[in-house]
Amino acid sequence: MSRRQREKIDAMFRQGRGSSTGGPPPSVEELRSGFAALMSTMVVPAGIRTSATALGGRPALFVEPEDEPRPGTLLYFHGGGFVVGSPETALSLTAQLVVKTGVRAYSVDYRLAPEHPFPAGVEDTLSAYRALLDDGTDPASVVFAGDSAGGGFAVTTCLAARDEGLPLPAAIVAFSPGLDMTRTGASMDTRAGLDPIFTRAALEHTGAMYLAGQDPRQPLLSPATRADLTSLPPMLLQAGGNEMLLDDSTRLAALATAAGVDVVLDITADVPHVFQSFAGGPLDEADEALDRAALFIGQHLGAPVKAERTAA
């Protein structure tokens, strides 16, 4: 592990955040272009092929290893606070997982707020999963994965699938997932000075676009505090010790444990939100975390998972 690497990344984010403070919040267009520019600097590993496709009525990016793929499918949901991002901005993460596991992946281009607020995104992610099932994909060979808002979708799509009586995937992998739109976790305050990316105002700005006036106290918006996690598959929650959203993961892990769900809570100290994006050189901890995620995925692919509907 390299403290110098962590300090360099922290300083980079703080410099970028500092240049945008003091004025009105950025427009949606500015948020989207800035995020795309940032993510274009992340390392995309060699050894993959990509192609445009569609899944469940939405565009998707198909990412596969150049060599013969191992059995299994990753269904990936990109991050971006429900407002920005695309399969292309998440390609570094998706590709890293494909290379490390040898498994193919579909990255879903779900609809974004404010044009399409809740529940449009989770409708799209669920439709993508349903399309895989309709195409004959064995649910025991599917792993949901995602980062930030997409990490939240990895959980809430599973909840929606269970409540519709669909068979569940083999596992869930969530990187710094957004799991509480009420923003009530203690880390929202205790990590405020440590988080180089977020402020409460910034999170509330994009959150309001996604909510569009709806009550955040719903299971599909705040599963860390509101969801019944009964019968969900094993999950890996990875988060950075310096992020304001840390307690989204810690509280979901506690709920999952109480519900009898196998859960691994994997927190890396002194790193920011979705630090895994810096794999491939800039941050050793990112590669190490993705190695652990790949091991988790490999351990769970092919394991049967039985869905049970929650009592009304």
C-alpha atoms as a PDB file:
ATOM      1  CA  MET A   1       0.000   0.000   0.000  1.00  0.00           C
ATOM      2  CA  SER A   2       1.233   3.490  -0.768  1.00  0.00           C
ATOM      3  CA  ARG A   3       0.377   6.474   1.394  1.00  0.00           C
ATOM      4  CA  ARG A   4       1.832   8.722  -1.287  1.00  0.00           C
ATOM      5  CA  GLN A   5      -0.615   7.317  -3.851  1.00  0.00           C
ATOM      6  CA  ARG A   6      -3.548   7.906  -1.530  1.00  0.00           C
ATOM      7  CA  GLU A   7      -2.445  11.443  -0.734  1.00  0.00           C
ATOM      8  CA  LYS A   8      -2.011  12.287  -4.427  1.00  0.00           C
ATOM      9  CA  ILE A   9      -5.526  11.108  -5.279  1.00  0.00           C
ATOM     10  CA  ASP A  10      -6.993  12.938  -2.297  1.00  0.00           C
ATOM     11  CA  ALA A  11      -5.283  16.174  -3.355  1.00  0.00           C
ATOM     12  CA  MET A  12      -6.476  15.781  -6.952  1.00  0.00           C
ATOM     13  CA  PHE A  13     -10.106  15.487  -5.897  1.00  0.00           C
ATOM     14  CA  ARG A  14      -9.863  18.363  -3.433  1.00  0.00           C
ATOM     15  CA  GLN A  15      -8.365  20.636  -6.069  1.00  0.00           C
ATOM     16  CA  GLY A  16     -11.145  19.810  -8.511  1.00  0.00           C
ATOM     17  CA  ARG A  17     -13.836  20.274  -5.892  1.00  0.00           C
ATOM     18  CA  GLY A  18     -12.355  23.550  -4.707  1.00  0.00           C
ATOM     19  CA  SER A  19     -12.453  25.093  -8.158  1.00  0.00           C
ATOM     20  CA  SER A  20     -16.232  24.611  -8.342  1.00  0.00           C
ATOM     21  CA  THR A  21     -17.211  25.991  -4.942  1.00  0.00           C
ATOM     22  CA  GLY A  22     -18.544  29.412  -4.133  1.00  0.00           C
ATOM     23  CA  GLY A  23     -20.949  29.723  -7.047  1.00  0.00           C
ATOM     24  CA  PRO A  24     -24.213  28.184  -8.173  1.00  0.00           C
ATOM     25  CA  PRO A  25     -24.332  24.384  -8.426  1.00  0.00           C
ATOM     26  CA  PRO A  26     -23.173  23.032 -11.769  1.00  0.00           C
ATOM     27  CA  SER A  27     -25.741  22.305 -14.442  1.00  0.00           C
ATOM     28  CA  VAL A  28     -26.620  18.758 -15.437  1.00  0.00           C
ATOM     29  CA  GLU A  29     -24.606  19.185 -18.628  1.00  0.00           C
ATOM     30  CA  GLU A  30     -21.578  20.372 -16.654  1.00  0.00           C
ATOM     31  CA  LEU A  31     -21.890  17.478 -14.224  1.00  0.00           C
ATOM     32  CA  ARG A  32     -22.082  14.950 -17.057  1.00  0.00           C
ATOM     33  CA  SER A  33     -19.205  16.349 -19.092  1.00  0.00           C
ATOM     34  CA  GLY A  34     -16.989  16.723 -16.025  1.00  0.00           C
ATOM     35  CA  PHE A  35     -17.651  13.179 -14.889  1.00  0.00           C
ATOM     36  CA  ALA A  36     -17.011  11.780 -18.363  1.00  0.00           C
ATOM     37  CA  ALA A  37     -13.723  13.692 -18.548  1.00  0.00           C
ATOM     38  CA  LEU A  38     -12.606  12.375 -15.157  1.00  0.00           C
ATOM     39  CA  MET A  39     -13.483   8.773 -15.900  1.00  0.00           C
ATOM     40  CA  SER A  40     -11.769   8.889 -19.297  1.00  0.00           C
ATOM     41  CA  THR A  41      -8.463   9.144 -17.399  1.00  0.00           C
ATOM     42  CA  MET A  42      -8.939   5.775 -15.669  1.00  0.00           C
ATOM     43  CA  VAL A  43      -6.976   2.758 -16.871  1.00  0.00           C
ATOM     44  CA  VAL A  44      -8.848   0.297 -19.090  1.00  0.00           C
ATOM     45  CA  PRO A  45      -6.883  -2.958 -19.128  1.00  0.00           C
ATOM     46  CA  ALA A  46      -5.927  -4.802 -22.280  1.00  0.00           C
ATOM     47  CA  GLY A  47      -7.370  -8.208 -23.022  1.00  0.00           C
ATOM     48  CA  ILE A  48     -11.010  -7.286 -23.627  1.00  0.00           C
ATOM     49  CA  ARG A  49     -13.386  -6.753 -26.517  1.00  0.00           C
ATOM     50  CA  THR A  50     -16.371  -4.417 -26.371  1.00  0.00           C
ATOM     51  CA  SER A  51     -19.452  -4.104 -28.530  1.00  0.00           C
ATOM     52  CA  ALA A  52     -22.676  -2.135 -28.396  1.00  0.00           C
ATOM     53  CA  THR A  53     -25.817  -4.135 -27.757  1.00  0.00           C
ATOM     54  CA  ALA A  54     -29.218  -3.829 -26.064  1.00  0.00           C
ATOM     55  CA  LEU A  55     -30.691  -5.512 -23.040  1.00  0.00           C
ATOM     56  CA  GLY A  56     -34.246  -5.184 -21.803  1.00  0.00           C
ATOM     57  CA  GLY A  57     -35.009  -2.335 -24.165  1.00  0.00           C
ATOM     58  CA  ARG A  58     -32.003  -0.249 -23.129  1.00  0.00           C
ATOM     59  CA  PRO A  59     -28.588   0.213 -24.754  1.00  0.00           C
ATOM     60  CA  ALA A  60     -25.825  -1.783 -23.122  1.00  0.00           C
ATOM     61  CA  LEU A  61     -22.118  -2.360 -23.537  1.00  0.00           C
ATOM     62  CA  PHE A  62     -21.007  -5.971 -23.892  1.00  0.00           C
ATOM     63  CA  VAL A  63     -17.525  -6.568 -22.483  1.00  0.00           C
ATOM     64  CA  GLU A  64     -15.835  -9.928 -22.941  1.00  0.00           C
ATOM     65  CA  PRO A  65     -12.346 -11.339 -22.506  1.00  0.00           C
ATOM     66  CA  GLU A  66     -10.276 -11.844 -25.636  1.00  0.00           C
ATOM     67  CA  ASP A  67      -9.676 -15.430 -24.598  1.00  0.00           C
ATOM     68  CA  GLU A  68     -12.448 -17.996 -24.199  1.00  0.00           C
ATOM     69  CA  PRO A  69     -14.702 -16.712 -21.402  1.00  0.00           C
ATOM     70  CA  ARG A  70     -15.352 -18.687 -18.273  1.00  0.00           C
ATOM     71  CA  PRO A  71     -18.982 -19.596 -17.561  1.00  0.00           C
ATOM     72  CA  GLY A  72     -20.963 -16.778 -16.022  1.00  0.00           C
ATOM     73  CA  THR A  73     -22.298 -13.296 -16.631  1.00  0.00           C
ATOM     74  CA  LEU A  74     -21.710 -10.037 -14.803  1.00  0.00           C
ATOM     75  CA  LEU A  75     -24.612  -7.592 -14.985  1.00  0.00           C
ATOM     76  CA  TYR A  76     -22.951  -4.255 -14.279  1.00  0.00           C
ATOM     77  CA  PHE A  77     -24.604  -0.979 -13.246  1.00  0.00           C
ATOM     78  CA  HIS A  78     -22.494   2.169 -13.589  1.00  0.00           C
ATOM     79  CA  GLY A  79     -22.201   4.925 -11.018  1.00  0.00           C
ATOM     80  CA  GLY A  80     -22.895   8.632 -11.241  1.00  0.00           C
ATOM     81  CA  GLY A  81     -25.374   9.676  -8.579  1.00  0.00           C
ATOM     82  CA  PHE A  82     -28.329   8.603 -10.764  1.00  0.00           C
ATOM     83  CA  VAL A  83     -27.680  11.744 -12.861  1.00  0.00           C
ATOM     84  CA  VAL A  84     -24.409  11.210 -14.744  1.00  0.00           C
ATOM     85  CA  GLY A  85     -22.395   8.317 -16.119  1.00  0.00           C
ATOM     86  CA  SER A  86     -22.721   5.586 -18.701  1.00  0.00           C
ATOM     87  CA  PRO A  87     -21.317   2.145 -19.476  1.00  0.00           C
ATOM     88  CA  GLU A  88     -18.378   3.947 -21.083  1.00  0.00           C
ATOM     89  CA  THR A  89     -17.517   5.926 -17.937  1.00  0.00           C
ATOM     90  CA  ALA A  90     -17.538   2.671 -15.948  1.00  0.00           C
ATOM     91  CA  LEU A  91     -15.521   0.722 -18.505  1.00  0.00           C
ATOM     92  CA  SER A  92     -12.352   0.709 -16.420  1.00  0.00           C
ATOM     93  CA  LEU A  93     -14.165  -1.076 -13.585  1.00  0.00           C
ATOM     94  CA  THR A  94     -16.171  -3.412 -15.800  1.00  0.00           C
ATOM     95  CA  ALA A  95     -13.113  -4.350 -17.825  1.00  0.00           C
ATOM     96  CA  GLN A  96     -11.011  -4.942 -14.724  1.00  0.00           C
ATOM     97  CA  LEU A  97     -13.613  -7.382 -13.425  1.00  0.00           C
ATOM     98  CA  VAL A  98     -13.831  -9.133 -16.795  1.00  0.00           C
ATOM     99  CA  VAL A  99     -10.054  -9.531 -16.995  1.00  0.00           C
ATOM    100  CA  LYS A 100      -9.707 -10.661 -13.393  1.00  0.00           C
ATOM    101  CA  THR A 101     -12.594 -13.167 -13.512  1.00  0.00           C
ATOM    102  CA  GLY A 102     -12.561 -14.239 -17.153  1.00  0.00           C
ATOM    103  CA  VAL A 103     -16.352 -13.738 -17.203  1.00  0.00           C
ATOM    104  CA  ARG A 104     -18.279 -11.669 -19.761  1.00  0.00           C
ATOM    105  CA  ALA A 105     -20.244  -8.608 -18.678  1.00  0.00           C
ATOM    106  CA  TYR A 106     -23.183  -6.498 -19.774  1.00  0.00           C
ATOM    107  CA  SER A 107     -23.103  -2.876 -18.596  1.00  0.00           C
ATOM    108  CA  VAL A 108     -26.564  -1.303 -18.717  1.00  0.00           C
ATOM    109  CA  ASP A 109     -27.212   2.241 -19.937  1.00  0.00           C
ATOM    110  CA  TYR A 110     -30.194   2.904 -17.651  1.00  0.00           C
ATOM    111  CA  ARG A 111     -32.169   6.148 -17.821  1.00  0.00           C
ATOM    112  CA  LEU A 112     -30.881   9.084 -15.783  1.00  0.00           C
ATOM    113  CA  ALA A 113     -32.446  11.803 -13.677  1.00  0.00           C
ATOM    114  CA  PRO A 114     -33.602  14.550 -13.831  1.00  0.00           C
ATOM    115  CA  GLU A 115     -35.159  13.570 -17.162  1.00  0.00           C
ATOM    116  CA  HIS A 116     -36.104  10.173 -15.719  1.00  0.00           C
ATOM    117  CA  PRO A 117     -36.338  10.193 -11.903  1.00  0.00           C
ATOM    118  CA  PHE A 118     -37.037   7.243  -9.620  1.00  0.00           C
ATOM    119  CA  PRO A 119     -38.101   4.533 -10.347  1.00  0.00           C
ATOM    120  CA  ALA A 120     -36.972   4.683 -14.000  1.00  0.00           C
ATOM    121  CA  GLY A 121     -33.443   3.466 -13.299  1.00  0.00           C
ATOM    122  CA  VAL A 122     -34.417   0.397 -11.304  1.00  0.00           C
ATOM    123  CA  GLU A 123     -37.110  -0.411 -13.865  1.00  0.00           C
ATOM    124  CA  ASP A 124     -34.378  -0.484 -16.517  1.00  0.00           C
ATOM    125  CA  THR A 125     -31.952  -2.588 -14.495  1.00  0.00           C
ATOM    126  CA  LEU A 126     -34.693  -5.070 -13.645  1.00  0.00           C
ATOM    127  CA  SER A 127     -35.731  -5.236 -17.319  1.00  0.00           C
ATOM    128  CA  ALA A 128     -32.123  -5.997 -18.245  1.00  0.00           C
ATOM    129  CA  TYR A 129     -32.010  -8.879 -15.768  1.00  0.00           C
ATOM    130  CA  ARG A 130     -35.364 -10.160 -16.960  1.00  0.00           C
ATOM    131  CA  ALA A 131     -34.035 -10.108 -20.532  1.00  0.00           C
ATOM    132  CA  LEU A 132     -31.098 -12.293 -19.522  1.00  0.00           C
ATOM    133  CA  LEU A 133     -33.469 -14.768 -17.884  1.00  0.00           C
ATOM    134  CA  ASP A 134     -35.803 -14.752 -20.880  1.00  0.00           C
ATOM    135  CA  ASP A 135     -32.808 -15.523 -23.087  1.00  0.00           C
ATOM    136  CA  GLY A 136     -32.178 -18.677 -21.073  1.00  0.00           C
ATOM    137  CA  THR A 137     -29.370 -17.454 -18.826  1.00  0.00           C
ATOM    138  CA  ASP A 138     -29.164 -19.471 -15.627  1.00  0.00           C
ATOM    139  CA  PRO A 139     -29.624 -17.053 -12.692  1.00  0.00           C
ATOM    140  CA  ALA A 140     -27.051 -19.073 -10.738  1.00  0.00           C
ATOM    141  CA  SER A 141     -24.499 -17.957 -13.336  1.00  0.00           C
ATOM    142  CA  VAL A 142     -25.249 -14.226 -12.926  1.00  0.00           C
ATOM    143  CA  VAL A 143     -23.619 -11.763 -10.547  1.00  0.00           C
ATOM    144  CA  PHE A 144     -24.940  -8.227 -10.090  1.00  0.00           C
ATOM    145  CA  ALA A 145     -22.166  -5.648  -9.732  1.00  0.00           C
ATOM    146  CA  GLY A 146     -22.003  -1.882  -9.666  1.00  0.00           C
ATOM    147  CA  ASP A 147     -20.397   1.208  -8.223  1.00  0.00           C
ATOM    148  CA  SER A 148     -21.880   4.142  -6.306  1.00  0.00           C
ATOM    149  CA  ALA A 149     -25.460   4.620  -7.541  1.00  0.00           C
ATOM    150  CA  GLY A 150     -24.959   1.452  -9.587  1.00  0.00           C
ATOM    151  CA  GLY A 151     -23.886  -0.369  -6.452  1.00  0.00           C
ATOM    152  CA  GLY A 152     -27.214   0.694  -5.011  1.00  0.00           C
ATOM    153  CA  PHE A 153     -28.935  -0.722  -8.074  1.00  0.00           C
ATOM    154  CA  ALA A 154     -27.109  -4.026  -7.579  1.00  0.00           C
ATOM    155  CA  VAL A 155     -28.997  -4.303  -4.283  1.00  0.00           C
ATOM    156  CA  THR A 156     -32.344  -2.736  -5.207  1.00  0.00           C
ATOM    157  CA  THR A 157     -32.623  -4.635  -8.492  1.00  0.00           C
ATOM    158  CA  CYS A 158     -32.247  -7.806  -6.473  1.00  0.00           C
ATOM    159  CA  LEU A 159     -34.973  -6.642  -4.091  1.00  0.00           C
ATOM    160  CA  ALA A 160     -37.284  -5.836  -7.006  1.00  0.00           C
ATOM    161  CA  ALA A 161     -36.560  -9.198  -8.649  1.00  0.00           C
ATOM    162  CA  ARG A 162     -37.299 -11.066  -5.429  1.00  0.00           C
ATOM    163  CA  ASP A 163     -40.560  -9.206  -4.868  1.00  0.00           C
ATOM    164  CA  GLU A 164     -41.671 -10.078  -8.405  1.00  0.00           C
ATOM    165  CA  GLY A 165     -40.915 -13.733  -7.789  1.00  0.00           C
ATOM    166  CA  LEU A 166     -37.941 -13.908 -10.157  1.00  0.00           C
ATOM    167  CA  PRO A 167     -35.043 -16.245  -9.419  1.00  0.00           C
ATOM    168  CA  LEU A 168     -32.183 -14.370  -7.859  1.00  0.00           C
ATOM    169  CA  PRO A 169     -28.586 -14.026  -9.084  1.00  0.00           C
ATOM    170  CA  ALA A 170     -25.734 -15.888  -7.471  1.00  0.00           C
ATOM    171  CA  ALA A 171     -24.244 -12.871  -5.716  1.00  0.00           C
ATOM    172  CA  ILE A 172     -24.035  -9.101  -5.415  1.00  0.00           C
ATOM    173  CA  VAL A 173     -20.837  -7.026  -5.585  1.00  0.00           C
ATOM    174  CA  ALA A 174     -21.190  -3.335  -4.716  1.00  0.00           C
ATOM    175  CA  PHE A 175     -18.406  -0.748  -4.747  1.00  0.00           C
ATOM    176  CA  SER A 176     -19.154   2.256  -2.482  1.00  0.00           C
ATOM    177  CA  PRO A 177     -22.886   1.725  -2.991  1.00  0.00           C
ATOM    178  CA  GLY A 178     -25.415   4.500  -2.516  1.00  0.00           C
ATOM    179  CA  LEU A 179     -28.015   2.875  -0.270  1.00  0.00           C
ATOM    180  CA  ASP A 180     -29.638   5.664   1.727  1.00  0.00           C
ATOM    181  CA  MET A 181     -31.367   8.590   0.069  1.00  0.00           C
ATOM    182  CA  THR A 182     -32.374   9.910   3.504  1.00  0.00           C
ATOM    183  CA  ARG A 183     -28.670  10.692   4.097  1.00  0.00           C
ATOM    184  CA  THR A 184     -28.954   9.812   7.786  1.00  0.00           C
ATOM    185  CA  GLY A 185     -25.764   7.787   8.228  1.00  0.00           C
ATOM    186  CA  ALA A 186     -23.398   9.080  10.899  1.00  0.00           C
ATOM    187  CA  SER A 187     -20.565   9.053   8.340  1.00  0.00           C
ATOM    188  CA  MET A 188     -22.304  11.894   6.512  1.00  0.00           C
ATOM    189  CA  ASP A 189     -20.946  14.046   9.341  1.00  0.00           C
ATOM    190  CA  THR A 190     -17.999  12.098  10.757  1.00  0.00           C
ATOM    191  CA  ARG A 191     -16.360  11.718   7.321  1.00  0.00           C
ATOM    192  CA  ALA A 192     -17.310  15.153   5.960  1.00  0.00           C
ATOM    193  CA  GLY A 193     -13.822  16.559   6.469  1.00  0.00           C
ATOM    194  CA  LEU A 194     -12.111  13.430   5.170  1.00  0.00           C
ATOM    195  CA  ASP A 195     -14.155  12.948   1.983  1.00  0.00           C
ATOM    196  CA  PRO A 196     -12.359  14.702  -0.893  1.00  0.00           C
ATOM    197  CA  ILE A 197     -15.196  14.191  -3.374  1.00  0.00           C
ATOM    198  CA  PHE A 198     -18.574  14.850  -1.773  1.00  0.00           C
ATOM    199  CA  THR A 199     -20.241  17.492   0.304  1.00  0.00           C
ATOM    200  CA  ARG A 200     -23.706  17.176   1.776  1.00  0.00           C
ATOM    201  CA  ALA A 201     -24.874  19.964  -0.530  1.00  0.00           C
ATOM    202  CA  ALA A 202     -23.584  18.133  -3.604  1.00  0.00           C
ATOM    203  CA  LEU A 203     -25.244  14.876  -2.594  1.00  0.00           C
ATOM    204  CA  GLU A 204     -28.513  16.644  -1.899  1.00  0.00           C
ATOM    205  CA  HIS A 205     -28.308  18.467  -5.247  1.00  0.00           C
ATOM    206  CA  THR A 206     -28.171  15.293  -7.335  1.00  0.00           C
ATOM    207  CA  GLY A 207     -30.384  13.393  -4.903  1.00  0.00           C
ATOM    208  CA  ALA A 208     -33.186  15.908  -5.373  1.00  0.00           C
ATOM    209  CA  MET A 209     -33.052  15.320  -9.129  1.00  0.00           C
ATOM    210  CA  TYR A 210     -33.475  11.589  -8.642  1.00  0.00           C
ATOM    211  CA  LEU A 211     -36.195  11.872  -6.006  1.00  0.00           C
ATOM    212  CA  ALA A 212     -38.234  14.529  -7.826  1.00  0.00           C
ATOM    213  CA  GLY A 213     -40.166  15.198  -4.637  1.00  0.00           C
ATOM    214  CA  GLN A 214     -40.742  11.566  -3.701  1.00  0.00           C
ATOM    215  CA  ASP A 215     -40.331  10.250  -0.161  1.00  0.00           C
ATOM    216  CA  PRO A 216     -36.819   8.799   0.246  1.00  0.00           C
ATOM    217  CA  ARG A 217     -37.999   6.494   3.026  1.00  0.00           C
ATOM    218  CA  GLN A 218     -38.729   3.601   0.648  1.00  0.00           C
ATOM    219  CA  PRO A 219     -36.925   0.249   0.392  1.00  0.00           C
ATOM    220  CA  LEU A 220     -35.828   0.862  -3.204  1.00  0.00           C
ATOM    221  CA  LEU A 221     -34.444   4.291  -2.288  1.00  0.00           C
ATOM    222  CA  SER A 222     -32.966   3.645   1.155  1.00  0.00           C
ATOM    223  CA  PRO A 223     -32.404  -0.101   1.503  1.00  0.00           C
ATOM    224  CA  ALA A 224     -29.715   0.490   4.155  1.00  0.00           C
ATOM    225  CA  THR A 225     -32.467   1.468   6.586  1.00  0.00           C
ATOM    226  CA  ARG A 226     -35.786   0.441   5.027  1.00  0.00           C
ATOM    227  CA  ALA A 227     -35.407  -2.868   3.192  1.00  0.00           C
ATOM    228  CA  ASP A 228     -36.243  -6.433   4.175  1.00  0.00           C
ATOM    229  CA  LEU A 229     -33.201  -8.301   2.849  1.00  0.00           C
ATOM    230  CA  THR A 230     -34.602 -11.782   3.468  1.00  0.00           C
ATOM    231  CA  SER A 231     -33.426 -14.390   0.943  1.00  0.00           C
ATOM    232  CA  LEU A 232     -31.013 -12.101  -0.899  1.00  0.00           C
ATOM    233  CA  PRO A 233     -27.898 -13.831  -2.255  1.00  0.00           C
ATOM    234  CA  PRO A 234     -24.421 -13.410  -0.752  1.00  0.00           C
ATOM    235  CA  MET A 235     -23.070  -9.905  -1.102  1.00  0.00           C
ATOM    236  CA  LEU A 236     -19.722  -8.159  -1.039  1.00  0.00           C
ATOM    237  CA  LEU A 237     -19.807  -4.503   0.000  1.00  0.00           C
ATOM    238  CA  GLN A 238     -16.585  -2.572  -0.545  1.00  0.00           C
ATOM    239  CA  ALA A 239     -16.178   1.008   0.668  1.00  0.00           C
ATOM    240  CA  GLY A 240     -13.489   3.559   1.403  1.00  0.00           C
ATOM    241  CA  GLY A 241     -12.781   4.654   4.938  1.00  0.00           C
ATOM    242  CA  ASN A 242     -12.819   8.332   3.965  1.00  0.00           C
ATOM    243  CA  GLU A 243     -16.189   8.508   2.237  1.00  0.00           C
ATOM    244  CA  MET A 244     -19.318  10.163   3.559  1.00  0.00           C
ATOM    245  CA  LEU A 245     -21.402   7.254   2.259  1.00  0.00           C
ATOM    246  CA  LEU A 246     -19.469   4.708   4.326  1.00  0.00           C
ATOM    247  CA  ASP A 247     -22.420   3.999   6.627  1.00  0.00           C
ATOM    248  CA  ASP A 248     -24.600   3.127   3.647  1.00  0.00           C
ATOM    249  CA  SER A 249     -22.502  -0.042   3.476  1.00  0.00           C
ATOM    250  CA  THR A 250     -22.036  -0.648   7.197  1.00  0.00           C
ATOM    251  CA  ARG A 251     -25.766  -0.386   7.922  1.00  0.00           C
ATOM    252  CA  LEU A 252     -26.763  -2.568   4.983  1.00  0.00           C
ATOM    253  CA  ALA A 253     -24.260  -5.169   6.149  1.00  0.00           C
ATOM    254  CA  ALA A 254     -25.872  -5.148   9.594  1.00  0.00           C
ATOM    255  CA  LEU A 255     -29.345  -5.525   8.077  1.00  0.00           C
ATOM    256  CA  ALA A 256     -28.149  -8.339   5.843  1.00  0.00           C
ATOM    257  CA  THR A 257     -26.580 -10.173   8.765  1.00  0.00           C
ATOM    258  CA  ALA A 258     -29.774  -9.824  10.787  1.00  0.00           C
ATOM    259  CA  ALA A 259     -31.750 -11.222   7.838  1.00  0.00           C
ATOM    260  CA  GLY A 260     -29.504 -14.280   7.584  1.00  0.00           C
ATOM    261  CA  VAL A 261     -27.764 -13.146   4.402  1.00  0.00           C
ATOM    262  CA  ASP A 262     -24.091 -13.948   3.861  1.00  0.00           C
ATOM    263  CA  VAL A 263     -22.260 -10.622   3.637  1.00  0.00           C
ATOM    264  CA  VAL A 264     -18.654  -9.516   3.410  1.00  0.00           C
ATOM    265  CA  LEU A 265     -18.042  -5.913   4.487  1.00  0.00           C
ATOM    266  CA  ASP A 266     -14.691  -4.850   3.037  1.00  0.00           C
ATOM    267  CA  ILE A 267     -13.502  -1.377   4.104  1.00  0.00           C
ATOM    268  CA  THR A 268     -10.175   0.028   2.940  1.00  0.00           C
ATOM    269  CA  ALA A 269      -8.710   2.770   5.129  1.00  0.00           C
ATOM    270  CA  ASP A 270      -7.829   6.273   3.922  1.00  0.00           C
ATOM    271  CA  VAL A 271      -9.305   5.968   0.433  1.00  0.00           C
ATOM    272  CA  PRO A 272     -12.241   7.782  -1.206  1.00  0.00           C
ATOM    273  CA  HIS A 273     -15.506   6.857  -2.859  1.00  0.00           C
ATOM    274  CA  VAL A 274     -15.151   4.177  -5.602  1.00  0.00           C
ATOM    275  CA  PHE A 275     -11.390   4.046  -5.112  1.00  0.00           C
ATOM    276  CA  GLN A 276     -11.426   0.832  -7.169  1.00  0.00           C
ATOM    277  CA  SER A 277     -11.568   3.016 -10.298  1.00  0.00           C
ATOM    278  CA  PHE A 278      -7.865   3.727  -9.811  1.00  0.00           C
ATOM    279  CA  ALA A 279      -6.818   0.159 -10.524  1.00  0.00           C
ATOM    280  CA  GLY A 280      -4.076  -0.420 -13.037  1.00  0.00           C
ATOM    281  CA  GLY A 281      -1.331   1.702 -11.496  1.00  0.00           C
ATOM    282  CA  PRO A 282      -2.461   4.865  -9.665  1.00  0.00           C
ATOM    283  CA  LEU A 283      -3.543   3.098  -6.451  1.00  0.00           C
ATOM    284  CA  ASP A 284      -2.338  -0.278  -5.225  1.00  0.00           C
ATOM    285  CA  GLU A 285      -5.334  -0.656  -2.908  1.00  0.00           C
ATOM    286  CA  ALA A 286      -7.652  -0.481  -5.918  1.00  0.00           C
ATOM    287  CA  ASP A 287      -6.071  -3.521  -7.565  1.00  0.00           C
ATOM    288  CA  GLU A 288      -6.074  -5.392  -4.273  1.00  0.00           C
ATOM    289  CA  ALA A 289      -9.757  -4.665  -3.708  1.00  0.00           C
ATOM    290  CA  LEU A 290     -10.677  -5.804  -7.213  1.00  0.00           C
ATOM    291  CA  ASP A 291      -8.652  -8.978  -6.705  1.00  0.00           C
ATOM    292  CA  ARG A 292     -10.784  -9.684  -3.637  1.00  0.00           C
ATOM    293  CA  ALA A 293     -13.944  -8.921  -5.612  1.00  0.00           C
ATOM    294  CA  ALA A 294     -12.866 -11.282  -8.385  1.00  0.00           C
ATOM    295  CA  LEU A 295     -12.221 -14.022  -5.839  1.00  0.00           C
ATOM    296  CA  PHE A 296     -15.684 -13.481  -4.340  1.00  0.00           C
ATOM    297  CA  ILE A 297     -17.301 -13.643  -7.785  1.00  0.00           C
ATOM    298  CA  GLY A 298     -15.449 -16.827  -8.677  1.00  0.00           C
ATOM    299  CA  GLN A 299     -16.460 -18.465  -5.420  1.00  0.00           C
ATOM    300  CA  HIS A 300     -20.170 -17.801  -5.979  1.00  0.00           C
ATOM    301  CA  LEU A 301     -20.762 -18.316  -9.670  1.00  0.00           C
ATOM    302  CA  GLY A 302     -22.774 -21.462 -10.212  1.00  0.00           C
ATOM    303  CA  ALA A 303     -24.103 -21.646  -6.664  1.00  0.00           C
ATOM    304  CA  PRO A 304     -27.904 -22.128  -6.667  1.00  0.00           C
ATOM    305  CA  VAL A 305     -29.905 -19.317  -5.079  1.00  0.00           C
ATOM    306  CA  LYS A 306     -33.557 -19.771  -4.226  1.00  0.00           C
ATOM    307  CA  ALA A 307     -35.850 -16.727  -4.393  1.00  0.00           C
ATOM    308  CA  GLU A 308     -38.559 -16.266  -1.836  1.00  0.00           C
ATOM    309  CA  ARG A 309     -41.250 -13.611  -1.951  1.00  0.00           C
ATOM    310  CA  THR A 310     -41.545 -11.371   1.041  1.00  0.00           C
ATOM    311  CA  ALA A 311     -44.823 -11.580   2.864  1.00  0.00           C
ATOM    312  CA  ALA A 312     -47.026  -8.593   2.173  1.00  0.00           C
END
